[in-house]
């Protein structure tokens, strides 16, 4: 909700920071960021937002995940990322 608030208030960097925090709590928050990125790309007068919004996201989400990957490697990668990418087999 804070990310949406900052997005509507035309503050892309704090909106990206809040999106990063939300994405740390659950990957279901990741797709939400495509809407503001698309908005900033399509709006000519707000082109700076298309860079600062993802920069805020990467500052939080990227840094935390990078540190955990450095500390625990595959023991972090498999249960956090690989688990969400593996699709269950369908019924026969």
Protein backbone atom coordinates (compact mmCIF):
# COMPACT_ATOMS: atom_id res chain seq x y z
CA UNK A 1 0.00 0.00 0.00
CA UNK A 2 2.85 2.39 0.71
CA UNK A 3 4.28 1.75 -2.74
CA UNK A 4 0.94 2.65 -4.29
CA UNK A 5 0.75 5.78 -2.13
CA UNK A 6 4.17 6.99 -3.28
CA UNK A 7 3.39 6.06 -6.88
CA UNK A 8 0.21 8.14 -6.83
CA UNK A 9 2.14 10.95 -5.12
CA UNK A 10 4.63 10.87 -8.04
CA UNK A 11 7.58 9.77 -5.92
CA UNK A 12 9.05 6.88 -7.91
CA UNK A 13 12.12 6.15 -5.77
CA UNK A 14 10.26 5.66 -2.46
CA UNK A 15 7.59 3.72 -4.39
CA UNK A 16 10.33 1.40 -5.65
CA UNK A 17 11.75 1.01 -2.15
CA UNK A 18 8.35 -0.01 -0.81
CA UNK A 19 7.85 -2.38 -3.75
CA UNK A 20 11.19 -3.97 -2.86
CA UNK A 21 10.13 -4.43 0.75
CA UNK A 22 6.81 -5.91 -0.33
CA UNK A 23 8.57 -8.31 -2.70
CA UNK A 24 10.81 -9.50 0.13
CA UNK A 25 7.73 -10.63 2.03
CA UNK A 26 6.32 -12.56 -0.93
CA UNK A 27 7.02 -12.98 -4.62
CA UNK A 28 3.37 -12.37 -5.44
CA UNK A 29 4.19 -8.64 -5.09
CA UNK A 30 6.71 -8.75 -7.97
CA UNK A 31 4.26 -8.39 -10.91
CA UNK A 32 2.75 -5.22 -9.42
CA UNK A 33 5.89 -3.30 -10.40
CA UNK A 34 5.24 -3.75 -14.10
CA UNK A 35 2.36 -1.29 -13.97
CA UNK A 36 4.37 1.72 -12.73
CA UNK A 37 7.31 0.87 -14.99
CA UNK A 38 4.98 0.81 -17.99
CA UNK A 39 3.36 4.03 -16.86
CA UNK A 40 6.71 5.81 -16.53
CA UNK A 41 7.84 4.54 -19.92
CA UNK A 42 4.67 5.70 -21.68
CA UNK A 43 4.48 9.12 -20.02
CA UNK A 44 7.04 11.39 -21.66
CA UNK A 45 7.25 13.95 -18.88
CA UNK A 46 7.92 11.29 -16.26
CA UNK A 47 10.65 9.33 -17.98
CA UNK A 48 12.99 9.74 -15.01
CA UNK A 49 10.59 7.54 -13.05
CA UNK A 50 11.23 4.51 -15.25
CA UNK A 51 14.79 4.47 -13.91
CA UNK A 52 14.34 5.60 -10.30
CA UNK A 53 11.41 3.27 -9.57
CA UNK A 54 13.34 0.06 -10.41
CA UNK A 55 16.47 1.55 -8.78
CA UNK A 56 14.61 1.82 -5.48
CA UNK A 57 13.38 -1.73 -5.89
CA UNK A 58 16.83 -3.12 -6.65
CA UNK A 59 18.39 -1.23 -3.77
CA UNK A 60 16.25 -3.18 -1.30
CA UNK A 61 15.34 -6.44 -3.04
CA UNK A 62 18.64 -6.91 -4.84
CA UNK A 63 20.85 -6.07 -1.89
CA UNK A 64 19.07 -8.35 0.59
CA UNK A 65 18.96 -11.29 -1.81
CA UNK A 66 22.57 -10.75 -2.90
CA UNK A 67 23.77 -10.80 0.73
CA UNK A 68 21.80 -13.97 1.48
CA UNK A 69 23.13 -15.63 -1.67
CA UNK A 70 26.67 -14.76 -0.62
CA UNK A 71 26.13 -16.11 2.88
CA UNK A 72 24.19 -19.30 2.13
CA UNK A 73 24.47 -19.92 -1.63
CA UNK A 74 22.36 -22.84 -2.85
CA UNK A 75 20.86 -23.34 0.61
CA UNK A 76 19.14 -19.98 0.06
CA UNK A 77 18.66 -20.15 -3.69
CA UNK A 78 16.81 -23.47 -3.85
CA UNK A 79 14.11 -22.98 -1.21
CA UNK A 80 13.50 -19.33 -2.05
CA UNK A 81 13.82 -19.00 -5.83
CA UNK A 82 13.95 -22.46 -7.41
CA UNK A 83 10.98 -23.64 -5.35
CA UNK A 84 8.80 -20.89 -6.83
CA UNK A 85 9.91 -21.59 -10.40
CA UNK A 86 9.27 -25.33 -10.38
CA UNK A 87 5.83 -26.13 -11.71
CA UNK A 88 4.04 -29.20 -10.40
CA UNK A 89 3.29 -31.99 -12.83
CA UNK A 90 -0.21 -32.10 -14.21
CA UNK A 91 -2.56 -35.00 -13.65
CA UNK A 92 -2.39 -37.83 -16.13
